[in-house]
């Protein structure tokens, strides 16, 4: 799981071929990295969705030459188009459920790092909250929330959640994954399938627990 807060000013930005092509100025909101000025004195922005990992460098998922063709001079705006099978019922179901899933996501973050809050949120809590059988506590009350990574990964969770409703009679397999990947790649999010696959599957499985 990428921790956006680990991206710091002055860190080198390294392309998929291993070469440095830029330096971080700072992160801009939840979606963009502002790069230090280039030789012409121009700042550029790249999407955080390009980042594959962060150590002493910020690593991205594409060659430097491609990144420099695609970077922008304005912060990245996250826009995407829902797949053709998405409808109002999927949106309604997601709106009813996303807070329970956000809490489950934040609980996992708390379990594996110091960045989250202990929500005392178990699978049973998530299932009951998602099904409307248990009230969702206020944001900072145990079973509390808030995380930068939720905003980053919520579109993929939402997609997997809606896909489970649409393909309710199907099992997750290579053929289904191929269809989901094709639709995701057409959605214009800018995030590669390999990067979001785990979150999509998590969204899918969260509904499976509720509807089975």
N, C-alpha and C. Protein backbone atom coordinates (compact mmCIF):
# COMPACT_ATOMS: atom_id res chain seq x y z
N UNK A 1 0.85 -1.19 0.00
CA UNK A 1 0.00 0.00 0.00
C UNK A 1 0.89 1.24 0.00
N UNK A 2 0.69 2.15 -0.93
CA UNK A 2 1.49 3.35 -1.02
C UNK A 2 1.08 4.35 0.07
N UNK A 3 2.06 4.83 0.82
CA UNK A 3 1.84 5.88 1.80
C UNK A 3 2.26 7.20 1.17
N UNK A 4 1.29 8.01 0.78
CA UNK A 4 1.57 9.26 0.09
C UNK A 4 2.44 10.18 0.94
N UNK A 5 2.28 10.08 2.25
CA UNK A 5 3.05 10.95 3.14
C UNK A 5 4.54 10.66 3.11
N UNK A 6 4.93 9.51 2.55
CA UNK A 6 6.36 9.17 2.45
C UNK A 6 7.04 9.89 1.29
N UNK A 7 6.27 10.55 0.44
CA UNK A 7 6.84 11.33 -0.67
C UNK A 7 7.22 12.70 -0.13
N UNK A 8 8.52 12.97 -0.09
CA UNK A 8 9.03 14.19 0.54
C UNK A 8 9.70 15.10 -0.48
N UNK A 9 9.77 16.42 -0.17
CA UNK A 9 10.50 17.35 -1.05
C UNK A 9 11.95 16.91 -1.25
N UNK A 10 12.45 17.17 -2.44
CA UNK A 10 13.84 16.92 -2.84
C UNK A 10 14.15 15.45 -3.13
N UNK A 11 13.14 14.57 -3.06
CA UNK A 11 13.40 13.17 -3.40
C UNK A 11 13.54 13.01 -4.91
N UNK A 12 14.53 12.25 -5.37
CA UNK A 12 14.65 11.98 -6.81
C UNK A 12 13.48 11.15 -7.32
N UNK A 13 13.02 11.45 -8.52
CA UNK A 13 11.96 10.68 -9.17
C UNK A 13 12.60 9.82 -10.24
N UNK A 14 12.38 8.50 -10.13
CA UNK A 14 13.06 7.53 -10.97
C UNK A 14 12.05 6.82 -11.85
N UNK A 15 12.38 6.69 -13.13
CA UNK A 15 11.46 6.06 -14.08
C UNK A 15 11.57 4.54 -14.02
N UNK A 16 10.73 3.86 -14.79
CA UNK A 16 10.70 2.39 -14.78
C UNK A 16 11.98 1.78 -15.32
N UNK A 17 12.79 2.55 -16.02
CA UNK A 17 14.06 2.06 -16.55
C UNK A 17 15.22 2.32 -15.61
N UNK A 18 14.91 2.93 -14.46
CA UNK A 18 15.93 3.12 -13.43
C UNK A 18 16.63 4.46 -13.43
N UNK A 19 16.33 5.32 -14.38
CA UNK A 19 16.99 6.61 -14.46
C UNK A 19 16.20 7.72 -13.79
N UNK A 20 16.92 8.67 -13.18
CA UNK A 20 16.26 9.82 -12.58
C UNK A 20 15.94 10.85 -13.65
N UNK A 21 14.71 11.38 -13.62
CA UNK A 21 14.34 12.39 -14.61
C UNK A 21 13.76 13.64 -13.97
N UNK A 22 13.57 13.62 -12.65
CA UNK A 22 12.99 14.79 -11.98
C UNK A 22 13.25 14.71 -10.49
N UNK A 23 12.86 15.78 -9.78
CA UNK A 23 12.99 15.86 -8.32
C UNK A 23 11.66 16.37 -7.77
N UNK A 24 11.23 15.82 -6.65
CA UNK A 24 9.98 16.24 -6.02
C UNK A 24 10.14 17.64 -5.44
N UNK A 25 9.16 18.50 -5.73
CA UNK A 25 9.04 19.77 -5.02
C UNK A 25 8.16 19.55 -3.79
N UNK A 26 6.92 19.06 -4.02
CA UNK A 26 6.04 18.67 -2.93
C UNK A 26 4.83 17.97 -3.52
N UNK A 27 4.04 17.30 -2.68
CA UNK A 27 2.79 16.73 -3.14
C UNK A 27 1.74 17.83 -3.18
N UNK A 28 0.84 17.71 -4.14
CA UNK A 28 -0.20 18.72 -4.35
C UNK A 28 -1.55 18.04 -4.21
N UNK A 29 -2.18 18.18 -3.04
CA UNK A 29 -3.44 17.50 -2.81
C UNK A 29 -3.24 15.99 -2.72
N UNK A 30 -4.30 15.25 -3.00
CA UNK A 30 -4.26 13.80 -2.90
C UNK A 30 -3.85 13.13 -4.20
N UNK A 31 -3.74 13.91 -5.31
CA UNK A 31 -3.59 13.29 -6.62
C UNK A 31 -2.31 13.60 -7.36
N UNK A 32 -1.57 14.63 -6.96
CA UNK A 32 -0.47 15.11 -7.79
C UNK A 32 0.83 15.28 -7.02
N UNK A 33 1.93 15.16 -7.76
CA UNK A 33 3.25 15.52 -7.27
C UNK A 33 3.73 16.70 -8.10
N UNK A 34 4.06 17.78 -7.43
CA UNK A 34 4.67 18.92 -8.11
C UNK A 34 6.17 18.70 -8.15
N UNK A 35 6.76 18.78 -9.34
CA UNK A 35 8.18 18.56 -9.51
C UNK A 35 8.94 19.88 -9.43
N UNK A 36 10.19 19.79 -9.01
CA UNK A 36 11.04 20.98 -8.98
C UNK A 36 11.21 21.53 -10.39
N UNK A 37 11.53 22.80 -10.48
CA UNK A 37 11.67 23.45 -11.79
C UNK A 37 12.71 22.76 -12.65
N UNK A 38 12.41 22.66 -13.95
CA UNK A 38 13.39 22.10 -14.88
C UNK A 38 14.37 23.19 -15.32
N UNK A 39 15.19 22.89 -16.31
CA UNK A 39 16.22 23.83 -16.74
C UNK A 39 15.65 25.12 -17.31
N UNK A 40 14.39 25.07 -17.73
CA UNK A 40 13.76 26.28 -18.28
C UNK A 40 13.04 27.09 -17.22
N UNK A 41 13.06 26.60 -15.97
CA UNK A 41 12.37 27.29 -14.89
C UNK A 41 10.91 26.92 -14.74
N UNK A 42 10.48 25.81 -15.36
CA UNK A 42 9.08 25.40 -15.36
C UNK A 42 8.84 24.26 -14.38
N UNK A 43 7.82 24.40 -13.53
CA UNK A 43 7.36 23.28 -12.72
C UNK A 43 6.48 22.38 -13.58
N UNK A 44 6.50 21.08 -13.30
CA UNK A 44 5.57 20.13 -13.91
C UNK A 44 4.92 19.30 -12.81
N UNK A 45 3.80 18.67 -13.18
CA UNK A 45 3.06 17.81 -12.26
C UNK A 45 2.91 16.42 -12.86
N UNK A 46 2.99 15.41 -12.00
CA UNK A 46 2.70 14.04 -12.41
C UNK A 46 1.67 13.46 -11.44
N UNK A 47 0.84 12.51 -11.89
CA UNK A 47 -0.16 11.91 -10.98
C UNK A 47 0.50 11.01 -9.95
N UNK A 48 0.02 11.02 -8.75
CA UNK A 48 0.47 10.07 -7.73
C UNK A 48 0.16 8.65 -8.17
N UNK A 49 -0.85 8.46 -9.01
CA UNK A 49 -1.20 7.12 -9.49
C UNK A 49 -0.08 6.47 -10.28
N UNK A 50 0.90 7.25 -10.76
CA UNK A 50 2.04 6.67 -11.47
C UNK A 50 3.03 6.00 -10.52
N UNK A 51 3.00 6.36 -9.25
CA UNK A 51 4.02 5.91 -8.30
C UNK A 51 3.80 4.45 -7.95
N UNK A 52 4.87 3.67 -8.08
CA UNK A 52 4.79 2.24 -7.75
C UNK A 52 5.33 1.94 -6.36
N UNK A 53 6.34 2.68 -5.93
CA UNK A 53 6.88 2.51 -4.58
C UNK A 53 7.73 3.72 -4.22
N UNK A 54 7.99 3.85 -2.92
CA UNK A 54 8.81 4.96 -2.43
C UNK A 54 9.83 4.39 -1.45
N UNK A 55 11.12 4.66 -1.70
CA UNK A 55 12.17 4.36 -0.73
C UNK A 55 12.94 5.65 -0.55
N UNK A 56 14.22 5.67 -0.90
CA UNK A 56 14.92 6.95 -0.93
C UNK A 56 14.64 7.69 -2.22
N UNK A 57 13.98 7.01 -3.16
CA UNK A 57 13.53 7.58 -4.41
C UNK A 57 12.03 7.39 -4.56
N UNK A 58 11.43 8.16 -5.45
CA UNK A 58 10.04 7.95 -5.86
C UNK A 58 10.08 7.23 -7.20
N UNK A 59 9.58 6.02 -7.25
CA UNK A 59 9.62 5.19 -8.46
C UNK A 59 8.28 5.26 -9.18
N UNK A 60 8.31 5.44 -10.49
CA UNK A 60 7.06 5.49 -11.25
C UNK A 60 7.00 4.34 -12.25
N UNK A 61 5.84 4.18 -12.87
CA UNK A 61 5.55 2.98 -13.65
C UNK A 61 5.84 3.09 -15.14
N UNK A 62 6.55 4.15 -15.57
CA UNK A 62 6.78 4.33 -17.02
C UNK A 62 8.15 4.96 -17.27
N UNK A 63 8.63 4.81 -18.52
CA UNK A 63 9.93 5.40 -18.87
C UNK A 63 9.93 6.91 -18.72
N UNK A 64 11.09 7.47 -18.49
CA UNK A 64 11.19 8.91 -18.29
C UNK A 64 10.73 9.71 -19.49
N UNK A 65 11.10 9.25 -20.70
CA UNK A 65 10.71 9.99 -21.90
C UNK A 65 9.19 10.04 -22.04
N UNK A 66 8.53 8.93 -21.71
CA UNK A 66 7.06 8.90 -21.76
C UNK A 66 6.47 9.81 -20.70
N UNK A 67 7.04 9.77 -19.50
CA UNK A 67 6.54 10.62 -18.41
C UNK A 67 6.65 12.09 -18.76
N UNK A 68 7.76 12.47 -19.40
CA UNK A 68 7.95 13.88 -19.74
C UNK A 68 7.05 14.34 -20.88
N UNK A 69 6.55 13.39 -21.67
CA UNK A 69 5.55 13.73 -22.68
C UNK A 69 4.17 13.91 -22.06
N UNK A 70 3.94 13.21 -20.94
CA UNK A 70 2.60 13.17 -20.35
C UNK A 70 2.44 14.09 -19.14
N UNK A 71 3.55 14.58 -18.58
CA UNK A 71 3.38 15.46 -17.43
C UNK A 71 2.68 16.75 -17.83
N UNK A 72 2.20 17.48 -16.86
CA UNK A 72 1.41 18.67 -17.13
C UNK A 72 1.98 19.86 -16.36
N UNK A 73 1.47 21.03 -16.66
CA UNK A 73 1.88 22.23 -15.94
C UNK A 73 0.81 22.66 -14.94
N UNK A 74 -0.21 21.82 -14.78
CA UNK A 74 -1.27 22.05 -13.79
C UNK A 74 -1.45 20.79 -12.97
N UNK A 75 -1.92 20.89 -11.72
CA UNK A 75 -2.15 19.70 -10.89
C UNK A 75 -3.08 18.71 -11.58
N UNK A 76 -2.87 17.44 -11.31
CA UNK A 76 -3.68 16.38 -11.89
C UNK A 76 -5.08 16.39 -11.30
N UNK A 77 -6.06 16.32 -12.16
CA UNK A 77 -7.45 16.18 -11.72
C UNK A 77 -7.87 14.74 -11.98
N UNK A 78 -8.32 14.07 -10.93
CA UNK A 78 -8.75 12.69 -11.09
C UNK A 78 -10.12 12.64 -11.77
N UNK A 79 -10.15 12.21 -13.00
CA UNK A 79 -11.41 12.05 -13.72
C UNK A 79 -11.48 10.63 -14.27
N UNK A 80 -12.65 10.09 -14.30
CA UNK A 80 -12.80 8.77 -14.89
C UNK A 80 -14.23 8.60 -15.37
N UNK A 81 -14.40 7.62 -16.22
CA UNK A 81 -15.72 7.31 -16.77
C UNK A 81 -16.12 5.93 -16.31
N UNK A 82 -17.32 5.81 -15.79
CA UNK A 82 -17.79 4.50 -15.34
C UNK A 82 -17.98 3.57 -16.54
N UNK A 83 -17.81 2.25 -16.32
CA UNK A 83 -18.01 1.30 -17.41
C UNK A 83 -19.46 1.31 -17.89
N UNK A 84 -19.68 0.76 -19.07
CA UNK A 84 -21.01 0.80 -19.68
C UNK A 84 -22.06 0.08 -18.85
N UNK A 85 -21.65 -0.93 -18.06
CA UNK A 85 -22.61 -1.67 -17.27
C UNK A 85 -22.98 -0.98 -15.95
N UNK A 86 -22.28 0.08 -15.59
CA UNK A 86 -22.55 0.78 -14.33
C UNK A 86 -23.88 1.52 -14.44
N UNK A 87 -24.70 1.43 -13.38
CA UNK A 87 -25.98 2.14 -13.40
C UNK A 87 -26.25 2.78 -12.05
N UNK A 88 -27.41 3.41 -11.92
CA UNK A 88 -27.73 4.15 -10.70
C UNK A 88 -27.80 3.24 -9.47
N UNK A 89 -28.20 1.99 -9.67
CA UNK A 89 -28.29 1.10 -8.52
C UNK A 89 -26.90 0.80 -7.95
N UNK A 90 -25.89 0.71 -8.83
CA UNK A 90 -24.53 0.50 -8.35
C UNK A 90 -24.06 1.71 -7.55
N UNK A 91 -24.38 2.90 -8.05
CA UNK A 91 -23.99 4.12 -7.34
C UNK A 91 -24.67 4.21 -5.98
N UNK A 92 -25.96 3.88 -5.95
CA UNK A 92 -26.71 3.93 -4.69
C UNK A 92 -26.16 2.95 -3.68
N UNK A 93 -25.87 1.73 -4.14
CA UNK A 93 -25.32 0.71 -3.24
C UNK A 93 -23.97 1.14 -2.70
N UNK A 94 -23.13 1.72 -3.56
CA UNK A 94 -21.82 2.18 -3.12
C UNK A 94 -21.95 3.30 -2.09
N UNK A 95 -22.85 4.24 -2.32
CA UNK A 95 -23.01 5.35 -1.38
C UNK A 95 -23.47 4.85 -0.01
N UNK A 96 -24.28 3.79 0.00
CA UNK A 96 -24.75 3.24 1.28
C UNK A 96 -23.65 2.52 2.03
N UNK A 97 -22.67 2.01 1.30
CA UNK A 97 -21.71 1.09 1.87
C UNK A 97 -20.31 1.65 2.04
N UNK A 98 -19.96 2.71 1.32
CA UNK A 98 -18.55 3.10 1.26
C UNK A 98 -17.96 3.50 2.60
N UNK A 99 -18.78 4.04 3.51
CA UNK A 99 -18.22 4.43 4.81
C UNK A 99 -17.78 3.21 5.61
N UNK A 100 -18.57 2.13 5.54
CA UNK A 100 -18.16 0.91 6.23
C UNK A 100 -16.87 0.36 5.62
N UNK A 101 -16.75 0.41 4.31
CA UNK A 101 -15.54 -0.08 3.66
C UNK A 101 -14.35 0.84 3.94
N UNK A 102 -14.60 2.14 4.04
CA UNK A 102 -13.52 3.06 4.39
C UNK A 102 -12.97 2.73 5.77
N UNK A 103 -13.87 2.43 6.69
CA UNK A 103 -13.45 2.09 8.05
C UNK A 103 -12.66 0.80 8.06
N UNK A 104 -13.07 -0.16 7.27
CA UNK A 104 -12.34 -1.43 7.17
C UNK A 104 -10.96 -1.19 6.58
N UNK A 105 -10.90 -0.33 5.54
CA UNK A 105 -9.63 0.02 4.92
C UNK A 105 -8.70 0.69 5.94
N UNK A 106 -9.23 1.62 6.70
CA UNK A 106 -8.42 2.34 7.69
C UNK A 106 -7.98 1.42 8.81
N UNK A 107 -8.83 0.45 9.16
CA UNK A 107 -8.44 -0.52 10.18
C UNK A 107 -7.24 -1.32 9.72
N UNK A 108 -7.26 -1.74 8.46
CA UNK A 108 -6.13 -2.49 7.93
C UNK A 108 -4.87 -1.65 7.98
N UNK A 109 -4.98 -0.37 7.64
CA UNK A 109 -3.83 0.52 7.71
C UNK A 109 -3.32 0.63 9.13
N UNK A 110 -4.22 0.70 10.10
CA UNK A 110 -3.82 0.79 11.51
C UNK A 110 -3.12 -0.49 11.95
N UNK A 111 -3.56 -1.62 11.40
CA UNK A 111 -2.96 -2.89 11.78
C UNK A 111 -1.53 -3.03 11.30
N UNK A 112 -1.20 -2.40 10.15
CA UNK A 112 0.11 -2.64 9.54
C UNK A 112 1.05 -1.44 9.63
N UNK A 113 0.60 -0.31 10.18
CA UNK A 113 1.47 0.85 10.27
C UNK A 113 1.03 1.74 11.41
N UNK A 114 1.82 2.78 11.67
CA UNK A 114 1.47 3.75 12.69
C UNK A 114 0.63 4.88 12.13
N UNK A 115 0.30 4.82 10.83
CA UNK A 115 -0.37 5.92 10.18
C UNK A 115 -1.86 5.96 10.41
N UNK A 116 -2.46 4.87 10.86
CA UNK A 116 -3.91 4.83 10.99
C UNK A 116 -4.34 4.91 12.45
N UNK A 117 -5.64 4.88 12.64
CA UNK A 117 -6.23 4.90 13.97
C UNK A 117 -6.78 3.52 14.27
N UNK A 118 -6.72 3.10 15.52
CA UNK A 118 -7.32 1.82 15.88
C UNK A 118 -8.82 1.98 15.95
N UNK A 119 -9.51 1.36 15.02
CA UNK A 119 -10.96 1.50 14.92
C UNK A 119 -11.72 0.36 15.56
N UNK A 120 -10.98 -0.72 15.97
CA UNK A 120 -11.64 -1.91 16.49
C UNK A 120 -12.70 -2.39 15.50
N UNK A 121 -12.33 -2.36 14.22
CA UNK A 121 -13.26 -2.73 13.15
C UNK A 121 -12.91 -4.12 12.65
N UNK A 122 -13.78 -5.08 12.90
CA UNK A 122 -13.57 -6.42 12.41
C UNK A 122 -14.42 -6.69 11.18
N UNK A 123 -14.24 -7.88 10.60
CA UNK A 123 -15.01 -8.25 9.42
C UNK A 123 -16.50 -8.20 9.71
N UNK A 124 -16.88 -8.66 10.92
CA UNK A 124 -18.30 -8.64 11.27
C UNK A 124 -18.87 -7.24 11.29
N UNK A 125 -18.08 -6.29 11.80
CA UNK A 125 -18.54 -4.89 11.80
C UNK A 125 -18.77 -4.41 10.38
N UNK A 126 -17.81 -4.69 9.50
CA UNK A 126 -17.91 -4.23 8.12
C UNK A 126 -19.14 -4.81 7.44
N UNK A 127 -19.36 -6.11 7.61
CA UNK A 127 -20.49 -6.76 6.96
C UNK A 127 -21.81 -6.20 7.48
N UNK A 128 -21.92 -6.04 8.79
CA UNK A 128 -23.17 -5.55 9.37
C UNK A 128 -23.42 -4.10 8.97
N UNK A 129 -22.34 -3.28 8.95
CA UNK A 129 -22.51 -1.88 8.54
C UNK A 129 -22.86 -1.78 7.07
N UNK A 130 -22.20 -2.60 6.24
CA UNK A 130 -22.48 -2.57 4.81
C UNK A 130 -23.89 -3.01 4.51
N UNK A 131 -24.41 -3.95 5.31
CA UNK A 131 -25.76 -4.46 5.10
C UNK A 131 -26.82 -3.58 5.76
N UNK A 132 -26.38 -2.52 6.47
CA UNK A 132 -27.33 -1.63 7.13
C UNK A 132 -27.88 -2.18 8.43
N UNK A 133 -27.23 -3.22 8.99
CA UNK A 133 -27.72 -3.82 10.23
C UNK A 133 -27.05 -3.26 11.46
N UNK A 134 -26.04 -2.41 11.25
CA UNK A 134 -25.32 -1.82 12.38
C UNK A 134 -25.00 -0.38 12.03
N UNK A 135 -25.21 0.53 12.96
CA UNK A 135 -24.91 1.94 12.70
C UNK A 135 -23.41 2.15 12.57
N UNK A 136 -23.03 3.08 11.71
CA UNK A 136 -21.63 3.43 11.55
C UNK A 136 -21.32 4.56 12.52
N UNK A 137 -20.39 4.36 13.45
CA UNK A 137 -20.09 5.41 14.44
C UNK A 137 -19.54 6.66 13.78
N UNK A 138 -19.56 7.78 14.49
CA UNK A 138 -18.95 9.01 13.98
C UNK A 138 -17.48 8.79 13.68
N UNK A 139 -16.93 9.67 12.83
CA UNK A 139 -15.60 9.47 12.27
C UNK A 139 -14.48 9.22 13.24
N UNK A 140 -14.51 9.76 14.47
CA UNK A 140 -13.38 9.58 15.38
C UNK A 140 -13.72 8.74 16.61
N UNK A 141 -14.73 7.93 16.50
CA UNK A 141 -15.14 7.10 17.63
C UNK A 141 -14.79 5.66 17.31
N UNK A 142 -14.15 4.92 18.25
CA UNK A 142 -13.83 3.53 17.95
C UNK A 142 -15.07 2.75 17.59
N UNK A 143 -15.08 2.05 16.86
CA UNK A 143 -14.95 0.94 15.95
C UNK A 143 -14.57 1.39 14.67
N UNK A 144 -12.75 5.54 14.33
CA UNK A 144 -12.47 6.85 13.82
C UNK A 144 -11.86 6.68 12.49
N UNK A 145 -11.58 7.51 11.78
CA UNK A 145 -11.13 7.29 10.44
C UNK A 145 -10.40 8.46 9.85
N UNK A 146 -10.25 8.43 8.52
CA UNK A 146 -9.56 9.47 7.78
C UNK A 146 -8.20 9.00 7.33
N UNK A 147 -7.96 8.90 6.02
CA UNK A 147 -6.65 8.48 5.53
C UNK A 147 -6.46 8.94 4.12
N UNK A 148 -5.27 9.42 3.82
CA UNK A 148 -4.98 9.87 2.46
C UNK A 148 -5.10 8.73 1.48
N UNK A 149 -4.70 7.52 1.88
CA UNK A 149 -4.72 6.41 0.96
C UNK A 149 -6.13 5.98 0.58
N UNK A 150 -7.11 6.28 1.42
CA UNK A 150 -8.49 5.95 1.04
C UNK A 150 -8.88 6.71 -0.22
N UNK A 151 -8.60 8.01 -0.27
CA UNK A 151 -8.94 8.80 -1.45
C UNK A 151 -8.24 8.26 -2.69
N UNK A 152 -7.03 7.76 -2.51
CA UNK A 152 -6.28 7.23 -3.64
C UNK A 152 -6.88 5.93 -4.16
N UNK A 153 -7.34 5.07 -3.25
CA UNK A 153 -7.76 3.73 -3.64
C UNK A 153 -9.27 3.55 -3.75
N UNK A 154 -10.04 4.53 -3.28
CA UNK A 154 -11.49 4.38 -3.30
C UNK A 154 -12.07 4.10 -4.69
N UNK A 155 -11.56 4.73 -5.78
CA UNK A 155 -12.14 4.43 -7.10
C UNK A 155 -12.04 2.94 -7.47
N UNK A 156 -10.92 2.31 -7.10
CA UNK A 156 -10.76 0.89 -7.41
C UNK A 156 -11.67 0.02 -6.55
N UNK A 157 -11.81 0.37 -5.28
CA UNK A 157 -12.73 -0.35 -4.40
C UNK A 157 -14.16 -0.20 -4.90
N UNK A 158 -14.52 1.01 -5.29
CA UNK A 158 -15.86 1.27 -5.83
C UNK A 158 -16.11 0.43 -7.07
N UNK A 159 -15.12 0.36 -7.94
CA UNK A 159 -15.24 -0.40 -9.18
C UNK A 159 -15.46 -1.89 -8.87
N UNK A 160 -14.64 -2.43 -7.95
CA UNK A 160 -14.81 -3.84 -7.60
C UNK A 160 -16.14 -4.12 -6.94
N UNK A 161 -16.60 -3.17 -6.12
CA UNK A 161 -17.89 -3.31 -5.44
C UNK A 161 -19.02 -3.36 -6.46
N UNK A 162 -19.00 -2.43 -7.41
CA UNK A 162 -20.04 -2.41 -8.44
C UNK A 162 -19.99 -3.62 -9.34
N UNK A 163 -18.75 -4.08 -9.65
CA UNK A 163 -18.59 -5.25 -10.51
C UNK A 163 -19.21 -6.49 -9.88
N UNK A 164 -19.05 -6.63 -8.57
CA UNK A 164 -19.63 -7.78 -7.89
C UNK A 164 -21.15 -7.78 -8.00
N UNK A 165 -21.75 -6.61 -7.89
CA UNK A 165 -23.21 -6.52 -8.05
C UNK A 165 -23.61 -6.85 -9.49
N UNK A 166 -22.86 -6.34 -10.46
CA UNK A 166 -23.22 -6.57 -11.86
C UNK A 166 -23.01 -8.03 -12.27
N UNK A 167 -21.91 -8.62 -11.83
CA UNK A 167 -21.58 -10.01 -12.17
C UNK A 167 -21.90 -10.93 -11.00
N UNK A 168 -23.07 -10.76 -10.41
CA UNK A 168 -23.42 -11.43 -9.16
C UNK A 168 -23.37 -12.95 -9.25
N UNK A 169 -23.62 -13.50 -10.44
CA UNK A 169 -23.67 -14.96 -10.58
C UNK A 169 -22.35 -15.56 -11.05
N UNK A 170 -21.34 -14.73 -11.20
CA UNK A 170 -20.06 -15.20 -11.71
C UNK A 170 -19.02 -15.26 -10.60
N UNK A 171 -18.02 -16.14 -10.81
CA UNK A 171 -16.89 -16.24 -9.91
C UNK A 171 -15.72 -15.45 -10.48
N UNK A 172 -14.89 -14.96 -9.59
CA UNK A 172 -13.67 -14.27 -10.04
C UNK A 172 -12.74 -15.30 -10.66
N UNK A 173 -12.42 -15.12 -11.92
CA UNK A 173 -11.49 -16.01 -12.60
C UNK A 173 -10.75 -15.20 -13.67
N UNK A 174 -9.88 -15.86 -14.42
CA UNK A 174 -9.06 -15.14 -15.39
C UNK A 174 -9.91 -14.47 -16.47
N UNK A 175 -10.99 -15.15 -16.88
CA UNK A 175 -11.83 -14.59 -17.94
C UNK A 175 -12.53 -13.33 -17.46
N UNK A 176 -13.09 -13.38 -16.24
CA UNK A 176 -13.75 -12.21 -15.68
C UNK A 176 -12.75 -11.10 -15.42
N UNK A 177 -11.60 -11.45 -14.89
CA UNK A 177 -10.59 -10.43 -14.63
C UNK A 177 -10.18 -9.72 -15.92
N UNK A 178 -10.12 -10.48 -17.01
CA UNK A 178 -9.79 -9.86 -18.29
C UNK A 178 -10.81 -8.82 -18.71
N UNK A 179 -12.10 -9.12 -18.49
CA UNK A 179 -13.15 -8.15 -18.82
C UNK A 179 -13.07 -6.92 -17.92
N UNK A 180 -12.85 -7.17 -16.62
CA UNK A 180 -12.75 -6.05 -15.69
C UNK A 180 -11.54 -5.18 -16.00
N UNK A 181 -10.46 -5.82 -16.36
CA UNK A 181 -9.25 -5.06 -16.71
C UNK A 181 -9.48 -4.19 -17.94
N UNK A 182 -10.14 -4.75 -18.94
CA UNK A 182 -10.42 -3.99 -20.16
C UNK A 182 -11.26 -2.76 -19.85
N UNK A 183 -12.32 -2.94 -19.05
CA UNK A 183 -13.18 -1.82 -18.69
C UNK A 183 -12.43 -0.79 -17.85
N UNK A 184 -11.59 -1.28 -16.92
CA UNK A 184 -10.82 -0.35 -16.09
C UNK A 184 -9.86 0.47 -16.95
N UNK A 185 -9.17 -0.19 -17.86
CA UNK A 185 -8.20 0.51 -18.71
C UNK A 185 -8.88 1.56 -19.59
N UNK A 186 -10.17 1.37 -19.85
CA UNK A 186 -10.92 2.32 -20.68
C UNK A 186 -11.52 3.46 -19.87
N UNK A 187 -11.37 3.39 -18.55
CA UNK A 187 -12.07 4.36 -17.69
C UNK A 187 -11.36 5.69 -17.56
N UNK A 188 -10.08 5.74 -17.94
CA UNK A 188 -9.35 7.00 -17.92
C UNK A 188 -8.88 7.45 -16.55
N UNK A 189 -8.67 6.50 -15.62
CA UNK A 189 -8.21 6.89 -14.28
C UNK A 189 -6.73 7.22 -14.26
N UNK A 190 -5.96 6.65 -15.19
CA UNK A 190 -4.52 6.85 -15.19
C UNK A 190 -3.76 5.84 -14.36
N UNK A 191 -4.46 4.99 -13.61
CA UNK A 191 -3.81 3.96 -12.80
C UNK A 191 -3.83 2.63 -13.55
N UNK A 192 -2.70 1.95 -13.58
CA UNK A 192 -2.62 0.67 -14.28
C UNK A 192 -3.41 -0.40 -13.52
N UNK A 193 -3.85 -1.43 -14.26
CA UNK A 193 -4.60 -2.51 -13.65
C UNK A 193 -3.78 -3.22 -12.57
N UNK A 194 -2.50 -3.47 -12.84
CA UNK A 194 -1.68 -4.16 -11.85
C UNK A 194 -1.60 -3.38 -10.55
N UNK A 195 -1.64 -2.08 -10.65
CA UNK A 195 -1.57 -1.23 -9.46
C UNK A 195 -2.86 -1.31 -8.65
N UNK A 196 -4.01 -1.42 -9.31
CA UNK A 196 -5.29 -1.34 -8.59
C UNK A 196 -5.96 -2.69 -8.38
N UNK A 197 -5.42 -3.75 -8.98
CA UNK A 197 -6.09 -5.05 -8.97
C UNK A 197 -6.44 -5.50 -7.55
N UNK A 198 -5.51 -5.36 -6.60
CA UNK A 198 -5.78 -5.82 -5.24
C UNK A 198 -6.94 -5.06 -4.62
N UNK A 199 -7.02 -3.76 -4.87
CA UNK A 199 -8.13 -2.97 -4.31
C UNK A 199 -9.44 -3.32 -4.99
N UNK A 200 -9.41 -3.57 -6.30
CA UNK A 200 -10.63 -4.00 -7.01
C UNK A 200 -11.12 -5.32 -6.43
N UNK A 201 -10.20 -6.25 -6.23
CA UNK A 201 -10.58 -7.56 -5.68
C UNK A 201 -11.13 -7.41 -4.26
N UNK A 202 -10.55 -6.48 -3.50
CA UNK A 202 -11.05 -6.26 -2.15
C UNK A 202 -12.47 -5.71 -2.18
N UNK A 203 -12.74 -4.79 -3.11
CA UNK A 203 -14.10 -4.29 -3.25
C UNK A 203 -15.06 -5.40 -3.65
N UNK A 204 -14.62 -6.26 -4.58
CA UNK A 204 -15.42 -7.41 -5.01
C UNK A 204 -15.72 -8.33 -3.83
N UNK A 205 -14.69 -8.69 -3.07
CA UNK A 205 -14.87 -9.64 -1.97
C UNK A 205 -15.71 -9.05 -0.84
N UNK A 206 -15.68 -7.74 -0.66
CA UNK A 206 -16.48 -7.14 0.41
C UNK A 206 -17.96 -7.34 0.15
N UNK A 207 -18.37 -7.30 -1.11
CA UNK A 207 -19.78 -7.55 -1.45
C UNK A 207 -20.09 -9.03 -1.35
N UNK A 208 -19.14 -9.85 -1.72
CA UNK A 208 -19.33 -11.29 -1.64
C UNK A 208 -19.71 -11.71 -0.23
N UNK A 209 -19.03 -11.13 0.77
CA UNK A 209 -19.35 -11.46 2.16
C UNK A 209 -20.79 -11.06 2.50
N UNK A 210 -21.25 -9.96 1.91
CA UNK A 210 -22.57 -9.45 2.24
C UNK A 210 -23.67 -10.23 1.54
N UNK A 211 -23.47 -10.58 0.24
CA UNK A 211 -24.57 -11.14 -0.52
C UNK A 211 -24.62 -12.66 -0.50
N UNK A 212 -23.52 -13.34 -0.12
CA UNK A 212 -23.54 -14.80 -0.11
C UNK A 212 -24.39 -15.35 1.02
